[in-house]
């Protein structure tokens, strides 16, 4: 799996946990690594920052799930049905 990983982002431990849970619900495994040596020791300004990786094949879907709305919408995601929206008016 390590050969085809892409970085999803750099974040703090709390948000990484939220991403992990959201992606796990969609069966997307992640790898979390310290962002720097100071993250491991807890010394320095970047303490607590981690890098989050997913498989390259899961990247678009993962970005969509975690709320990266700048990411292209994955093919299997269904756009909101305009007819449903119109019927609510």
Protein backbone atom coordinates (compact mmCIF):
# COMPACT_ATOMS: atom_id res chain seq x y z
CA UNK A 1 0.00 0.00 0.00
CA UNK A 2 2.86 2.42 0.71
CA UNK A 3 3.83 2.65 -2.97
CA UNK A 4 0.58 4.24 -4.09
CA UNK A 5 -0.09 6.71 -1.25
CA UNK A 6 -0.85 10.39 -1.79
CA UNK A 7 -0.91 13.06 0.88
CA UNK A 8 -4.42 14.17 1.73
CA UNK A 9 -3.20 16.96 3.97
CA UNK A 10 -1.32 18.12 7.04
CA UNK A 11 -3.46 18.75 10.08
CA UNK A 12 -3.59 18.38 13.85
CA UNK A 13 -4.25 15.14 15.71
CA UNK A 14 -7.89 15.98 16.41
CA UNK A 15 -8.84 16.71 12.82
CA UNK A 16 -6.86 13.69 11.62
CA UNK A 17 -9.00 11.55 13.91
CA UNK A 18 -12.17 13.08 12.46
CA UNK A 19 -10.91 12.40 8.92
CA UNK A 20 -9.99 8.83 9.90
CA UNK A 21 -13.49 8.15 11.26
CA UNK A 22 -15.29 9.73 8.29
CA UNK A 23 -13.15 7.88 5.77
CA UNK A 24 -13.42 4.58 7.66
CA UNK A 25 -17.21 4.79 7.30
CA UNK A 26 -16.62 4.78 3.54
CA UNK A 27 -14.04 1.95 3.74
CA UNK A 28 -11.14 4.25 2.85
CA UNK A 29 -8.04 3.36 4.89
CA UNK A 30 -5.61 6.12 5.85
CA UNK A 31 -2.04 6.33 7.10
CA UNK A 32 -1.16 9.01 9.66
CA UNK A 33 2.48 10.03 10.14
CA UNK A 34 4.12 12.81 12.17
CA UNK A 35 4.67 15.89 10.00
CA UNK A 36 8.14 16.49 11.44
CA UNK A 37 10.61 15.21 14.01
CA UNK A 38 9.39 17.83 16.46
CA UNK A 39 5.90 16.31 16.21
CA UNK A 40 7.28 13.09 17.65
CA UNK A 41 9.07 14.79 20.55
CA UNK A 42 6.42 17.44 21.17
CA UNK A 43 9.01 20.19 20.86
CA UNK A 44 8.56 23.09 18.46
CA UNK A 45 5.81 25.04 16.80
CA UNK A 46 4.66 22.13 14.65
CA UNK A 47 3.99 19.87 17.63
CA UNK A 48 0.87 17.79 17.04
CA UNK A 49 0.82 18.18 13.25
CA UNK A 50 0.46 15.01 11.25
CA UNK A 51 0.44 14.05 7.58
CA UNK A 52 -2.56 12.09 6.39
CA UNK A 53 -2.21 9.77 3.39
CA UNK A 54 -4.71 7.72 1.37
CA UNK A 55 -4.38 5.40 -1.60
CA UNK A 56 -4.12 7.27 -4.88
CA UNK A 57 -7.23 5.46 -6.11
CA UNK A 58 -9.22 6.87 -3.15
CA UNK A 59 -7.91 10.44 -3.29
CA UNK A 60 -10.78 12.20 -5.07
CA UNK A 61 -13.44 10.49 -2.99
CA UNK A 62 -11.51 11.07 0.23
CA UNK A 63 -11.10 14.77 -0.48
CA UNK A 64 -14.82 15.06 -1.17
CA UNK A 65 -15.70 13.24 2.07
CA UNK A 66 -13.48 15.40 4.29
CA UNK A 67 -15.00 18.53 2.83
CA UNK A 68 -12.35 19.67 0.39
CA UNK A 69 -14.94 21.25 -1.87
CA UNK A 70 -12.21 22.42 -4.25
CA UNK A 71 -11.61 18.78 -5.15
CA UNK A 72 -13.35 17.47 -8.25
CA UNK A 73 -16.53 15.59 -7.48
CA UNK A 74 -15.96 11.83 -7.65
CA UNK A 75 -17.72 9.97 -10.45
CA UNK A 76 -19.80 7.83 -8.07
CA UNK A 77 -21.13 10.80 -6.05
CA UNK A 78 -24.62 11.81 -7.04
CA UNK A 79 -25.30 15.52 -7.54
CA UNK A 80 -28.28 16.92 -5.71
CA UNK A 81 -31.45 16.25 -7.60
CA UNK A 82 -32.76 19.58 -8.90
CA UNK A 83 -36.28 18.19 -9.09
CA UNK A 84 -36.22 17.38 -5.36
CA UNK A 85 -35.09 20.91 -4.61
CA UNK A 86 -37.83 22.36 -6.80
CA UNK A 87 -40.50 20.27 -5.07
CA UNK A 88 -39.51 21.71 -1.68
CA UNK A 89 -40.42 25.26 -2.78
